[in-house]
Amino acid sequence: MPPLTLRAKVSVIAVLLALVGVFALAWQLRRQQQQRTLAACRELRAEISDLKTNTFDPRLEEMRTMRLNPSQAETLRNADPDAYARFAATYGQVVEQVAQAADRLGEKVDAFQSKGCVDLGPTF
């Protein structure tokens, strides 16, 4: 095989540099995409935590605190039907708030899972 000319050597080096550039660009683009995905997952996780801590948990605790056992409900119903009706309406509103918070929480968790955040592991 005859020795390569300077032009051939330069061409080979240029092709190799182009390949290295393409691989570096592909790696950089993949890294940027991973960073965007991680940022979106962190944001979703923060939203889930905030919603659970500041909305869902307090409303659920309020609902549990308000709940009457059957004998208490019967006593209140017999003693003061209007008070029982007001209690039932208030309790119904709290239950509705808990249900709405649970729905929003479920939507956030579904989005978290659909974006593949669960597959990233706990250390992202």
PDB file of N, CA and C in Angstrom:
ATOM      1  N   MET A   1       0.843  -1.158   0.000  1.00  0.00           N
ATOM      2  CA  MET A   1       0.000   0.000   0.000  1.00  0.00           C
ATOM      3  C   MET A   1       0.900   1.236   0.000  1.00  0.00           C
ATOM      4  N   PRO A   2       0.639   2.122  -0.932  1.00  0.00           N
ATOM      5  CA  PRO A   2       1.497   3.313  -1.019  1.00  0.00           C
ATOM      6  C   PRO A   2       1.212   4.258   0.153  1.00  0.00           C
ATOM      7  N   PRO A   3       2.181   5.043   0.555  1.00  0.00           N
ATOM      8  CA  PRO A   3       1.974   5.975   1.651  1.00  0.00           C
ATOM      9  C   PRO A   3       0.903   7.009   1.282  1.00  0.00           C
ATOM     10  N   LEU A   4       0.180   7.461   2.292  1.00  0.00           N
ATOM     11  CA  LEU A   4      -0.889   8.430   2.065  1.00  0.00           C
ATOM     12  C   LEU A   4      -0.296   9.805   1.780  1.00  0.00           C
ATOM     13  N   THR A   5      -0.957  10.482   0.893  1.00  0.00           N
ATOM     14  CA  THR A   5      -0.521  11.848   0.587  1.00  0.00           C
ATOM     15  C   THR A   5      -0.993  12.766   1.708  1.00  0.00           C
ATOM     16  N   LEU A   6      -0.457  13.961   1.730  1.00  0.00           N
ATOM     17  CA  LEU A   6      -0.844  14.934   2.742  1.00  0.00           C
ATOM     18  C   LEU A   6      -2.333  15.231   2.659  1.00  0.00           C
ATOM     19  N   ARG A   7      -2.818  15.331   1.443  1.00  0.00           N
ATOM     20  CA  ARG A   7      -4.243  15.606   1.244  1.00  0.00           C
ATOM     21  C   ARG A   7      -5.095  14.464   1.804  1.00  0.00           C
ATOM     22  N   ALA A   8      -4.696  13.248   1.593  1.00  0.00           N
ATOM     23  CA  ALA A   8      -5.432  12.090   2.102  1.00  0.00           C
ATOM     24  C   ALA A   8      -5.386  12.053   3.624  1.00  0.00           C
ATOM     25  N   LYS A   9      -4.212  12.368   4.189  1.00  0.00           N
ATOM     26  CA  LYS A   9      -4.088  12.393   5.648  1.00  0.00           C
ATOM     27  C   LYS A   9      -5.005  13.462   6.247  1.00  0.00           C
ATOM     28  N   VAL A  10      -5.015  14.635   5.630  1.00  0.00           N
ATOM     29  CA  VAL A  10      -5.872  15.720   6.110  1.00  0.00           C
ATOM     30  C   VAL A  10      -7.338  15.313   5.993  1.00  0.00           C
ATOM     31  N   SER A  11      -7.697  14.650   4.920  1.00  0.00           N
ATOM     32  CA  SER A  11      -9.078  14.200   4.731  1.00  0.00           C
ATOM     33  C   SER A  11      -9.473  13.183   5.798  1.00  0.00           C
ATOM     34  N   VAL A  12      -8.604  12.244   6.090  1.00  0.00           N
ATOM     35  CA  VAL A  12      -8.876  11.235   7.112  1.00  0.00           C
ATOM     36  C   VAL A  12      -9.038  11.906   8.476  1.00  0.00           C
ATOM     37  N   ILE A  13      -8.141  12.836   8.779  1.00  0.00           N
ATOM     38  CA  ILE A  13      -8.226  13.548  10.055  1.00  0.00           C
ATOM     39  C   ILE A  13      -9.515  14.359  10.126  1.00  0.00           C
ATOM     40  N   ALA A  14      -9.895  15.002   9.027  1.00  0.00           N
ATOM     41  CA  ALA A  14     -11.129  15.792   8.997  1.00  0.00           C
ATOM     42  C   ALA A  14     -12.346  14.901   9.224  1.00  0.00           C
ATOM     43  N   VAL A  15     -12.359  13.733   8.606  1.00  0.00           N
ATOM     44  CA  VAL A  15     -13.474  12.800   8.793  1.00  0.00           C
ATOM     45  C   VAL A  15     -13.526  12.323  10.243  1.00  0.00           C
ATOM     46  N   LEU A  16     -12.374  11.992  10.806  1.00  0.00           N
ATOM     47  CA  LEU A  16     -12.339  11.556  12.204  1.00  0.00           C
ATOM     48  C   LEU A  16     -12.812  12.669  13.141  1.00  0.00           C
ATOM     49  N   LEU A  17     -12.368  13.894  12.894  1.00  0.00           N
ATOM     50  CA  LEU A  17     -12.815  15.023  13.714  1.00  0.00           C
ATOM     51  C   LEU A  17     -14.318  15.248  13.563  1.00  0.00           C
ATOM     52  N   ALA A  18     -14.824  15.081  12.352  1.00  0.00           N
ATOM     53  CA  ALA A  18     -16.263  15.234  12.129  1.00  0.00           C
ATOM     54  C   ALA A  18     -17.036  14.171  12.907  1.00  0.00           C
ATOM     55  N   LEU A  19     -16.545  12.936  12.886  1.00  0.00           N
ATOM     56  CA  LEU A  19     -17.201  11.863  13.641  1.00  0.00           C
ATOM     57  C   LEU A  19     -17.174  12.146  15.144  1.00  0.00           C
ATOM     58  N   VAL A  20     -16.024  12.591  15.629  1.00  0.00           N
ATOM     59  CA  VAL A  20     -15.920  12.940  17.044  1.00  0.00           C
ATOM     60  C   VAL A  20     -16.891  14.075  17.365  1.00  0.00           C
ATOM     61  N   GLY A  21     -16.983  15.053  16.483  1.00  0.00           N
ATOM     62  CA  GLY A  21     -17.909  16.171  16.678  1.00  0.00           C
ATOM     63  C   GLY A  21     -19.355  15.711  16.713  1.00  0.00           C
ATOM     64  N   VAL A  22     -19.713  14.808  15.813  1.00  0.00           N
ATOM     65  CA  VAL A  22     -21.083  14.287  15.777  1.00  0.00           C
ATOM     66  C   VAL A  22     -21.393  13.526  17.068  1.00  0.00           C
ATOM     67  N   PHE A  23     -20.470  12.690  17.509  1.00  0.00           N
ATOM     68  CA  PHE A  23     -20.697  11.949  18.754  1.00  0.00           C
ATOM     69  C   PHE A  23     -20.768  12.894  19.954  1.00  0.00           C
ATOM     70  N   ALA A  24     -19.916  13.908  19.971  1.00  0.00           N
ATOM     71  CA  ALA A  24     -19.945  14.877  21.072  1.00  0.00           C
ATOM     72  C   ALA A  24     -21.260  15.649  21.074  1.00  0.00           C
ATOM     73  N   LEU A  25     -21.731  16.033  19.904  1.00  0.00           N
ATOM     74  CA  LEU A  25     -22.995  16.753  19.805  1.00  0.00           C
ATOM     75  C   LEU A  25     -24.156  15.863  20.253  1.00  0.00           C
ATOM     76  N   ALA A  26     -24.152  14.615  19.813  1.00  0.00           N
ATOM     77  CA  ALA A  26     -25.211  13.684  20.216  1.00  0.00           C
ATOM     78  C   ALA A  26     -25.187  13.480  21.732  1.00  0.00           C
ATOM     79  N   TRP A  27     -23.998  13.326  22.300  1.00  0.00           N
ATOM     80  CA  TRP A  27     -23.880  13.152  23.746  1.00  0.00           C
ATOM     81  C   TRP A  27     -24.397  14.385  24.472  1.00  0.00           C
ATOM     82  N   GLN A  28     -24.036  15.582  23.980  1.00  0.00           N
ATOM     83  CA  GLN A  28     -24.476  16.829  24.604  1.00  0.00           C
ATOM     84  C   GLN A  28     -25.997  16.974  24.529  1.00  0.00           C
ATOM     85  N   LEU A  29     -26.578  16.663  23.388  1.00  0.00           N
ATOM     86  CA  LEU A  29     -28.032  16.749  23.239  1.00  0.00           C
ATOM     87  C   LEU A  29     -28.742  15.768  24.176  1.00  0.00           C
ATOM     88  N   ARG A  30     -28.209  14.569  24.282  1.00  0.00           N
ATOM     89  CA  ARG A  30     -28.794  13.572  25.180  1.00  0.00           C
ATOM     90  C   ARG A  30     -28.682  14.035  26.636  1.00  0.00           C
ATOM     91  N   ARG A  31     -27.549  14.619  26.985  1.00  0.00           N
ATOM     92  CA  ARG A  31     -27.348  15.134  28.341  1.00  0.00           C
ATOM     93  C   ARG A  31     -28.312  16.282  28.643  1.00  0.00           C
ATOM     94  N   GLN A  32     -28.498  17.177  27.686  1.00  0.00           N
ATOM     95  CA  GLN A  32     -29.438  18.282  27.881  1.00  0.00           C
ATOM     96  C   GLN A  32     -30.863  17.759  28.062  1.00  0.00           C
ATOM     97  N   GLN A  33     -31.220  16.755  27.273  1.00  0.00           N
ATOM     98  CA  GLN A  33     -32.556  16.165  27.406  1.00  0.00           C
ATOM     99  C   GLN A  33     -32.724  15.523  28.779  1.00  0.00           C
ATOM    100  N   GLN A  34     -31.699  14.835  29.247  1.00  0.00           N
ATOM    101  CA  GLN A  34     -31.760  14.233  30.578  1.00  0.00           C
ATOM    102  C   GLN A  34     -31.903  15.310  31.654  1.00  0.00           C
ATOM    103  N   GLN A  35     -31.180  16.410  31.486  1.00  0.00           N
ATOM    104  CA  GLN A  35     -31.268  17.505  32.458  1.00  0.00           C
ATOM    105  C   GLN A  35     -32.668  18.115  32.470  1.00  0.00           C
ATOM    106  N   ARG A  36     -33.263  18.280  31.286  1.00  0.00           N
ATOM    107  CA  ARG A  36     -34.632  18.804  31.219  1.00  0.00           C
ATOM    108  C   ARG A  36     -35.611  17.839  31.881  1.00  0.00           C
ATOM    109  N   THR A  37     -35.429  16.554  31.626  1.00  0.00           N
ATOM    110  CA  THR A  37     -36.293  15.543  32.237  1.00  0.00           C
ATOM    111  C   THR A  37     -36.141  15.551  33.753  1.00  0.00           C
ATOM    112  N   LEU A  38     -34.900  15.614  34.223  1.00  0.00           N
ATOM    113  CA  LEU A  38     -34.666  15.659  35.667  1.00  0.00           C
ATOM    114  C   LEU A  38     -35.294  16.899  36.294  1.00  0.00           C
ATOM    115  N   ALA A  39     -35.164  18.032  35.626  1.00  0.00           N
ATOM    116  CA  ALA A  39     -35.749  19.271  36.155  1.00  0.00           C
ATOM    117  C   ALA A  39     -37.272  19.160  36.222  1.00  0.00           C
ATOM    118  N   ALA A  40     -37.874  18.601  35.177  1.00  0.00           N
ATOM    119  CA  ALA A  40     -39.330  18.426  35.169  1.00  0.00           C
ATOM    120  C   ALA A  40     -39.757  17.466  36.277  1.00  0.00           C
ATOM    121  N   CYS A  41     -38.990  16.413  36.487  1.00  0.00           N
ATOM    122  CA  CYS A  41     -39.316  15.446  37.540  1.00  0.00           C
ATOM    123  C   CYS A  41     -39.172  16.072  38.925  1.00  0.00           C
ATOM    124  N   ARG A  42     -38.123  16.857  39.106  1.00  0.00           N
ATOM    125  CA  ARG A  42     -37.952  17.540  40.396  1.00  0.00           C
ATOM    126  C   ARG A  42     -39.113  18.491  40.660  1.00  0.00           C
ATOM    127  N   GLU A  43     -39.517  19.210  39.630  1.00  0.00           N
ATOM    128  CA  GLU A  43     -40.632  20.149  39.777  1.00  0.00           C
ATOM    129  C   GLU A  43     -41.924  19.405  40.125  1.00  0.00           C
ATOM    130  N   LEU A  44     -42.179  18.310  39.418  1.00  0.00           N
ATOM    131  CA  LEU A  44     -43.377  17.519  39.717  1.00  0.00           C
ATOM    132  C   LEU A  44     -43.333  16.953  41.132  1.00  0.00           C
ATOM    133  N   ARG A  45     -42.171  16.467  41.531  1.00  0.00           N
ATOM    134  CA  ARG A  45     -42.040  15.913  42.881  1.00  0.00           C
ATOM    135  C   ARG A  45     -42.299  16.997  43.930  1.00  0.00           C
ATOM    136  N   ALA A  46     -41.796  18.202  43.683  1.00  0.00           N
ATOM    137  CA  ALA A  46     -42.036  19.309  44.616  1.00  0.00           C
ATOM    138  C   ALA A  46     -43.520  19.669  44.659  1.00  0.00           C
ATOM    139  N   GLU A  47     -44.175  19.670  43.497  1.00  0.00           N
ATOM    140  CA  GLU A  47     -45.609  19.964  43.451  1.00  0.00           C
ATOM    141  C   GLU A  47     -46.412  18.899  44.199  1.00  0.00           C
ATOM    142  N   ILE A  48     -46.039  17.640  44.010  1.00  0.00           N
ATOM    143  CA  ILE A  48     -46.723  16.543  44.706  1.00  0.00           C
ATOM    144  C   ILE A  48     -46.544  16.690  46.214  1.00  0.00           C
ATOM    145  N   SER A  49     -45.326  16.941  46.628  1.00  0.00           N
ATOM    146  CA  SER A  49     -45.047  17.094  48.055  1.00  0.00           C
ATOM    147  C   SER A  49     -45.808  18.273  48.642  1.00  0.00           C
ATOM    148  N   ASP A  50     -45.809  19.394  47.926  1.00  0.00           N
ATOM    149  CA  ASP A  50     -46.512  20.587  48.398  1.00  0.00           C
ATOM    150  C   ASP A  50     -48.014  20.335  48.497  1.00  0.00           C
ATOM    151  N   LEU A  51     -48.575  19.729  47.468  1.00  0.00           N
ATOM    152  CA  LEU A  51     -50.013  19.447  47.462  1.00  0.00           C
ATOM    153  C   LEU A  51     -50.392  18.493  48.591  1.00  0.00           C
ATOM    154  N   LYS A  52     -49.589  17.464  48.783  1.00  0.00           N
ATOM    155  CA  LYS A  52     -49.885  16.494  49.843  1.00  0.00           C
ATOM    156  C   LYS A  52     -49.739  17.133  51.217  1.00  0.00           C
ATOM    157  N   THR A  53     -48.646  17.862  51.418  1.00  0.00           N
ATOM    158  CA  THR A  53     -48.355  18.426  52.736  1.00  0.00           C
ATOM    159  C   THR A  53     -49.267  19.587  53.100  1.00  0.00           C
ATOM    160  N   ASN A  54     -49.519  20.470  52.138  1.00  0.00           N
ATOM    161  CA  ASN A  54     -50.241  21.707  52.454  1.00  0.00           C
ATOM    162  C   ASN A  54     -51.740  21.665  52.173  1.00  0.00           C
ATOM    163  N   THR A  55     -52.192  20.699  51.403  1.00  0.00           N
ATOM    164  CA  THR A  55     -53.617  20.658  51.071  1.00  0.00           C
ATOM    165  C   THR A  55     -54.259  19.341  51.495  1.00  0.00           C
ATOM    166  N   PHE A  56     -53.752  18.247  50.956  1.00  0.00           N
ATOM    167  CA  PHE A  56     -54.401  16.957  51.185  1.00  0.00           C
ATOM    168  C   PHE A  56     -54.356  16.533  52.655  1.00  0.00           C
ATOM    169  N   ASP A  57     -53.151  16.483  53.232  1.00  0.00           N
ATOM    170  CA  ASP A  57     -53.017  16.010  54.615  1.00  0.00           C
ATOM    171  C   ASP A  57     -53.823  16.847  55.613  1.00  0.00           C
ATOM    172  N   PRO A  58     -53.754  18.190  55.549  1.00  0.00           N
ATOM    173  CA  PRO A  58     -54.555  18.967  56.513  1.00  0.00           C
ATOM    174  C   PRO A  58     -56.063  18.754  56.352  1.00  0.00           C
ATOM    175  N   ARG A  59     -56.529  18.673  55.103  1.00  0.00           N
ATOM    176  CA  ARG A  59     -57.964  18.461  54.883  1.00  0.00           C
ATOM    177  C   ARG A  59     -58.387  17.077  55.369  1.00  0.00           C
ATOM    178  N   LEU A  60     -57.553  16.095  55.122  1.00  0.00           N
ATOM    179  CA  LEU A  60     -57.863  14.742  55.579  1.00  0.00           C
ATOM    180  C   LEU A  60     -57.899  14.691  57.107  1.00  0.00           C
ATOM    181  N   GLU A  61     -56.948  15.346  57.737  1.00  0.00           N
ATOM    182  CA  GLU A  61     -56.933  15.388  59.200  1.00  0.00           C
ATOM    183  C   GLU A  61     -58.168  16.111  59.731  1.00  0.00           C
ATOM    184  N   GLU A  62     -58.546  17.204  59.065  1.00  0.00           N
ATOM    185  CA  GLU A  62     -59.758  17.927  59.461  1.00  0.00           C
ATOM    186  C   GLU A  62     -60.984  17.027  59.332  1.00  0.00           C
ATOM    187  N   MET A  63     -61.041  16.276  58.246  1.00  0.00           N
ATOM    188  CA  MET A  63     -62.171  15.377  58.030  1.00  0.00           C
ATOM    189  C   MET A  63     -62.217  14.303  59.119  1.00  0.00           C
ATOM    190  N   ARG A  64     -61.056  13.746  59.439  1.00  0.00           N
ATOM    191  CA  ARG A  64     -61.007  12.708  60.475  1.00  0.00           C
ATOM    192  C   ARG A  64     -61.388  13.263  61.847  1.00  0.00           C
ATOM    193  N   THR A  65     -60.965  14.486  62.114  1.00  0.00           N
ATOM    194  CA  THR A  65     -61.277  15.109  63.399  1.00  0.00           C
ATOM    195  C   THR A  65     -62.765  15.397  63.527  1.00  0.00           C
ATOM    196  N   MET A  66     -63.375  15.810  62.428  1.00  0.00           N
ATOM    197  CA  MET A  66     -64.799  16.163  62.444  1.00  0.00           C
ATOM    198  C   MET A  66     -65.719  14.954  62.512  1.00  0.00           C
ATOM    199  N   ARG A  67     -65.234  13.833  62.043  1.00  0.00           N
ATOM    200  CA  ARG A  67     -66.093  12.659  61.899  1.00  0.00           C
ATOM    201  C   ARG A  67     -66.742  12.266  63.225  1.00  0.00           C
ATOM    202  N   LEU A  68     -67.991  11.946  63.139  1.00  0.00           N
ATOM    203  CA  LEU A  68     -68.736  11.481  64.314  1.00  0.00           C
ATOM    204  C   LEU A  68     -68.915   9.969  64.220  1.00  0.00           C
ATOM    205  N   ASN A  69     -68.880   9.327  65.374  1.00  0.00           N
ATOM    206  CA  ASN A  69     -69.219   7.908  65.343  1.00  0.00           C
ATOM    207  C   ASN A  69     -70.743   7.809  65.261  1.00  0.00           C
ATOM    208  N   PRO A  70     -71.275   6.648  64.963  1.00  0.00           N
ATOM    209  CA  PRO A  70     -72.728   6.524  64.762  1.00  0.00           C
ATOM    210  C   PRO A  70     -73.565   7.004  65.947  1.00  0.00           C
ATOM    211  N   SER A  71     -73.131   6.731  67.161  1.00  0.00           N
ATOM    212  CA  SER A  71     -73.934   7.164  68.313  1.00  0.00           C
ATOM    213  C   SER A  71     -73.891   8.684  68.473  1.00  0.00           C
ATOM    214  N   GLN A  72     -72.743   9.298  68.192  1.00  0.00           N
ATOM    215  CA  GLN A  72     -72.663  10.759  68.250  1.00  0.00           C
ATOM    216  C   GLN A  72     -73.565  11.392  67.195  1.00  0.00           C
ATOM    217  N   ALA A  73     -73.532  10.838  66.010  1.00  0.00           N
ATOM    218  CA  ALA A  73     -74.372  11.364  64.932  1.00  0.00           C
ATOM    219  C   ALA A  73     -75.846  11.240  65.300  1.00  0.00           C
ATOM    220  N   GLU A  74     -76.226  10.098  65.845  1.00  0.00           N
ATOM    221  CA  GLU A  74     -77.623   9.880  66.251  1.00  0.00           C
ATOM    222  C   GLU A  74     -78.029  10.854  67.350  1.00  0.00           C
ATOM    223  N   THR A  75     -77.151  11.051  68.315  1.00  0.00           N
ATOM    224  CA  THR A  75     -77.446  11.985  69.409  1.00  0.00           C
ATOM    225  C   THR A  75     -77.625  13.401  68.886  1.00  0.00           C
ATOM    226  N   LEU A  76     -76.719  13.843  68.022  1.00  0.00           N
ATOM    227  CA  LEU A  76     -76.824  15.194  67.466  1.00  0.00           C
ATOM    228  C   LEU A  76     -78.078  15.331  66.611  1.00  0.00           C
ATOM    229  N   ARG A  77     -78.369  14.330  65.818  1.00  0.00           N
ATOM    230  CA  ARG A  77     -79.553  14.362  64.958  1.00  0.00           C
ATOM    231  C   ARG A  77     -80.827  14.482  65.795  1.00  0.00           C
ATOM    232  N   ASN A  78     -80.886  13.741  66.895  1.00  0.00           N
ATOM    233  CA  ASN A  78     -82.072  13.777  67.761  1.00  0.00           C
ATOM    234  C   ASN A  78     -82.143  15.059  68.585  1.00  0.00           C
ATOM    235  N   ALA A  79     -80.995  15.543  69.050  1.00  0.00           N
ATOM    236  CA  ALA A  79     -80.981  16.718  69.924  1.00  0.00           C
ATOM    237  C   ALA A  79     -81.221  18.008  69.160  1.00  0.00           C
ATOM    238  N   ASP A  80     -80.589  18.142  68.001  1.00  0.00           N
ATOM    239  CA  ASP A  80     -80.708  19.398  67.248  1.00  0.00           C
ATOM    240  C   ASP A  80     -80.590  19.089  65.757  1.00  0.00           C
ATOM    241  N   PRO A  81     -81.706  18.822  65.103  1.00  0.00           N
ATOM    242  CA  PRO A  81     -81.669  18.472  63.678  1.00  0.00           C
ATOM    243  C   PRO A  81     -81.019  19.555  62.810  1.00  0.00           C
ATOM    244  N   ASP A  82     -81.224  20.826  63.167  1.00  0.00           N
ATOM    245  CA  ASP A  82     -80.606  21.899  62.378  1.00  0.00           C
ATOM    246  C   ASP A  82     -79.082  21.873  62.513  1.00  0.00           C
ATOM    247  N   ALA A  83     -78.607  21.663  63.730  1.00  0.00           N
ATOM    248  CA  ALA A  83     -77.158  21.578  63.948  1.00  0.00           C
ATOM    249  C   ALA A  83     -76.584  20.383  63.196  1.00  0.00           C
ATOM    250  N   TYR A  84     -77.316  19.280  63.204  1.00  0.00           N
ATOM    251  CA  TYR A  84     -76.854  18.102  62.470  1.00  0.00           C
ATOM    252  C   TYR A  84     -76.798  18.394  60.973  1.00  0.00           C
ATOM    253  N   ALA A  85     -77.797  19.100  60.456  1.00  0.00           N
ATOM    254  CA  ALA A  85     -77.814  19.445  59.029  1.00  0.00           C
ATOM    255  C   ALA A  85     -76.630  20.350  58.692  1.00  0.00           C
ATOM    256  N   ARG A  86     -76.345  21.329  59.565  1.00  0.00           N
ATOM    257  CA  ARG A  86     -75.193  22.212  59.334  1.00  0.00           C
ATOM    258  C   ARG A  86     -73.892  21.415  59.387  1.00  0.00           C
ATOM    259  N   PHE A  87     -73.800  20.516  60.379  1.00  0.00           N
ATOM    260  CA  PHE A  87     -72.615  19.674  60.489  1.00  0.00           C
ATOM    261  C   PHE A  87     -72.445  18.815  59.237  1.00  0.00           C
ATOM    262  N   ALA A  88     -73.529  18.198  58.806  1.00  0.00           N
ATOM    263  CA  ALA A  88     -73.464  17.324  57.627  1.00  0.00           C
ATOM    264  C   ALA A  88     -73.041  18.114  56.397  1.00  0.00           C
ATOM    265  N   ALA A  89     -73.552  19.337  56.251  1.00  0.00           N
ATOM    266  CA  ALA A  89     -73.177  20.166  55.104  1.00  0.00           C
ATOM    267  C   ALA A  89     -71.695  20.538  55.176  1.00  0.00           C
ATOM    268  N   THR A  90     -71.238  20.937  56.349  1.00  0.00           N
ATOM    269  CA  THR A  90     -69.824  21.294  56.526  1.00  0.00           C
ATOM    270  C   THR A  90     -68.932  20.084  56.290  1.00  0.00           C
ATOM    271  N   TYR A  91     -69.329  18.957  56.854  1.00  0.00           N
ATOM    272  CA  TYR A  91     -68.550  17.731  56.674  1.00  0.00           C
ATOM    273  C   TYR A  91     -68.520  17.333  55.198  1.00  0.00           C
ATOM    274  N   GLY A  92     -69.639  17.485  54.526  1.00  0.00           N
ATOM    275  CA  GLY A  92     -69.693  17.183  53.094  1.00  0.00           C
ATOM    276  C   GLY A  92     -68.749  18.068  52.291  1.00  0.00           C
ATOM    277  N   GLN A  93     -68.646  19.336  52.678  1.00  0.00           N
ATOM    278  CA  GLN A  93     -67.716  20.236  51.988  1.00  0.00           C
ATOM    279  C   GLN A  93     -66.271  19.799  52.200  1.00  0.00           C
ATOM    280  N   VAL A  94     -65.944  19.408  53.420  1.00  0.00           N
ATOM    281  CA  VAL A  94     -64.583  18.950  53.709  1.00  0.00           C
ATOM    282  C   VAL A  94     -64.286  17.667  52.939  1.00  0.00           C
ATOM    283  N   VAL A  95     -65.248  16.766  52.897  1.00  0.00           N
ATOM    284  CA  VAL A  95     -65.065  15.523  52.129  1.00  0.00           C
ATOM    285  C   VAL A  95     -64.834  15.855  50.659  1.00  0.00           C
ATOM    286  N   GLU A  96     -65.584  16.800  50.131  1.00  0.00           N
ATOM    287  CA  GLU A  96     -65.411  17.215  48.734  1.00  0.00           C
ATOM    288  C   GLU A  96     -64.025  17.818  48.513  1.00  0.00           C
ATOM    289  N   GLN A  97     -63.550  18.616  49.459  1.00  0.00           N
ATOM    290  CA  GLN A  97     -62.214  19.198  49.344  1.00  0.00           C
ATOM    291  C   GLN A  97     -61.139  18.115  49.368  1.00  0.00           C
ATOM    292  N   VAL A  98     -61.321  17.129  50.222  1.00  0.00           N
ATOM    293  CA  VAL A  98     -60.375  16.008  50.277  1.00  0.00           C
ATOM    294  C   VAL A  98     -60.396  15.250  48.953  1.00  0.00           C
ATOM    295  N   ALA A  99     -61.576  15.018  48.414  1.00  0.00           N
ATOM    296  CA  ALA A  99     -61.693  14.295  47.142  1.00  0.00           C
ATOM    297  C   ALA A  99     -61.035  15.080  46.008  1.00  0.00           C
ATOM    298  N   GLN A 100     -61.242  16.390  45.974  1.00  0.00           N
ATOM    299  CA  GLN A 100     -60.617  17.211  44.933  1.00  0.00           C
ATOM    300  C   GLN A 100     -59.100  17.203  45.074  1.00  0.00           C
ATOM    301  N   ALA A 101     -58.612  17.321  46.303  1.00  0.00           N
ATOM    302  CA  ALA A 101     -57.165  17.280  46.534  1.00  0.00           C
ATOM    303  C   ALA A 101     -56.601  15.917  46.130  1.00  0.00           C
ATOM    304  N   ALA A 102     -57.338  14.854  46.434  1.00  0.00           N
ATOM    305  CA  ALA A 102     -56.893  13.510  46.049  1.00  0.00           C
ATOM    306  C   ALA A 102     -56.860  13.366  44.532  1.00  0.00           C
ATOM    307  N   ASP A 103     -57.840  13.935  43.845  1.00  0.00           N
ATOM    308  CA  ASP A 103     -57.843  13.886  42.378  1.00  0.00           C
ATOM    309  C   ASP A 103     -56.642  14.627  41.807  1.00  0.00           C
ATOM    310  N   ARG A 104     -56.379  15.829  42.324  1.00  0.00           N
ATOM    311  CA  ARG A 104     -55.224  16.598  41.839  1.00  0.00           C
ATOM    312  C   ARG A 104     -53.926  15.863  42.145  1.00  0.00           C
ATOM    313  N   LEU A 105     -53.858  15.269  43.325  1.00  0.00           N
ATOM    314  CA  LEU A 105     -52.679  14.501  43.701  1.00  0.00           C
ATOM    315  C   LEU A 105     -52.500  13.307  42.765  1.00  0.00           C
ATOM    316  N   GLY A 106     -53.591  12.624  42.457  1.00  0.00           N
ATOM    317  CA  GLY A 106     -53.531  11.501  41.520  1.00  0.00           C
ATOM    318  C   GLY A 106     -53.076  11.928  40.137  1.00  0.00           C
ATOM    319  N   GLU A 107     -53.550  13.081  39.675  1.00  0.00           N
ATOM    320  CA  GLU A 107     -53.131  13.588  38.366  1.00  0.00           C
ATOM    321  C   GLU A 107     -51.634  13.882  38.351  1.00  0.00           C
ATOM    322  N   LYS A 108     -51.134  14.480  39.432  1.00  0.00           N
ATOM    323  CA  LYS A 108     -49.698  14.794  39.520  1.00  0.00           C
ATOM    324  C   LYS A 108     -48.872  13.513  39.553  1.00  0.00           C
ATOM    325  N   VAL A 109     -49.330  12.532  40.303  1.00  0.00           N
ATOM    326  CA  VAL A 109     -48.602  11.262  40.384  1.00  0.00           C
ATOM    327  C   VAL A 109     -48.624  10.557  39.027  1.00  0.00           C
ATOM    328  N   ASP A 110     -49.758  10.592  38.339  1.00  0.00           N
ATOM    329  CA  ASP A 110     -49.827  10.001  36.997  1.00  0.00           C
ATOM    330  C   ASP A 110     -48.851  10.690  36.053  1.00  0.00           C
ATOM    331  N   ALA A 111     -48.783  12.016  36.118  1.00  0.00           N
ATOM    332  CA  ALA A 111     -47.838  12.760  35.279  1.00  0.00           C
ATOM    333  C   ALA A 111     -46.406  12.388  35.644  1.00  0.00           C
ATOM    334  N   PHE A 112     -46.134  12.231  36.917  1.00  0.00           N
ATOM    335  CA  PHE A 112     -44.805  11.843  37.397  1.00  0.00           C
ATOM    336  C   PHE A 112     -44.408  10.488  36.818  1.00  0.00           C
ATOM    337  N   GLN A 113     -45.348   9.556  36.836  1.00  0.00           N
ATOM    338  CA  GLN A 113     -45.069   8.218  36.313  1.00  0.00           C
ATOM    339  C   GLN A 113     -44.964   8.225  34.795  1.00  0.00           C
ATOM    340  N   SER A 114     -45.829   8.986  34.120  1.00  0.00           N
ATOM    341  CA  SER A 114     -45.831   8.976  32.653  1.00  0.00           C
ATOM    342  C   SER A 114     -44.583   9.632  32.073  1.00  0.00           C
ATOM    343  N   LYS A 115     -43.964  10.530  32.818  1.00  0.00           N
ATOM    344  CA  LYS A 115     -42.731  11.166  32.351  1.00  0.00           C
ATOM    345  C   LYS A 115     -41.510  10.294  32.622  1.00  0.00           C
ATOM    346  N   GLY A 116     -41.726   9.143  33.228  1.00  0.00           N
ATOM    347  CA  GLY A 116     -40.617   8.229  33.486  1.00  0.00           C
ATOM    348  C   GLY A 116     -39.807   8.594  34.718  1.00  0.00           C
ATOM    349  N   CYS A 117     -40.351   9.431  35.570  1.00  0.00           N
ATOM    350  CA  CYS A 117     -39.611   9.878  36.752  1.00  0.00           C
ATOM    351  C   CYS A 117     -39.360   8.739  37.736  1.00  0.00           C
ATOM    352  N   VAL A 118     -40.256   7.785  37.786  1.00  0.00           N
ATOM    353  CA  VAL A 118     -40.099   6.658  38.707  1.00  0.00           C
ATOM    354  C   VAL A 118     -38.874   5.839  38.313  1.00  0.00           C
ATOM    355  N   ASP A 119     -38.615   5.733  37.011  1.00  0.00           N
ATOM    356  CA  ASP A 119     -37.488   4.945  36.519  1.00  0.00           C
ATOM    357  C   ASP A 119     -36.144   5.601  36.807  1.00  0.00           C
ATOM    358  N   LEU A 120     -36.149   6.895  37.136  1.00  0.00           N
ATOM    359  CA  LEU A 120     -34.896   7.603  37.388  1.00  0.00           C
ATOM    360  C   LEU A 120     -34.310   7.280  38.748  1.00  0.00           C
ATOM    361  N   GLY A 121     -35.117   6.727  39.618  1.00  0.00           N
ATOM    362  CA  GLY A 121     -34.635   6.364  40.942  1.00  0.00           C
ATOM    363  C   GLY A 121     -34.797   7.491  41.937  1.00  0.00           C
ATOM    364  N   PRO A 122     -34.506   7.213  43.200  1.00  0.00           N
ATOM    365  CA  PRO A 122     -34.748   8.197  44.260  1.00  0.00           C
ATOM    366  C   PRO A 122     -33.672   9.270  44.371  1.00  0.00           C
ATOM    367  N   THR A 123     -32.565   9.123  43.685  1.00  0.00           N
ATOM    368  CA  THR A 123     -31.443  10.043  43.897  1.00  0.00           C
ATOM    369  C   THR A 123     -31.366  11.160  42.876  1.00  0.00           C
ATOM    370  N   PHE A 124     -32.385  11.311  42.047  1.00  0.00           N
ATOM    371  CA  PHE A 124     -32.293  12.396  41.076  1.00  0.00           C
ATOM    372  C   PHE A 124     -32.591  13.642  41.796  1.00  0.00           C
TER     373      PHE A 124
END
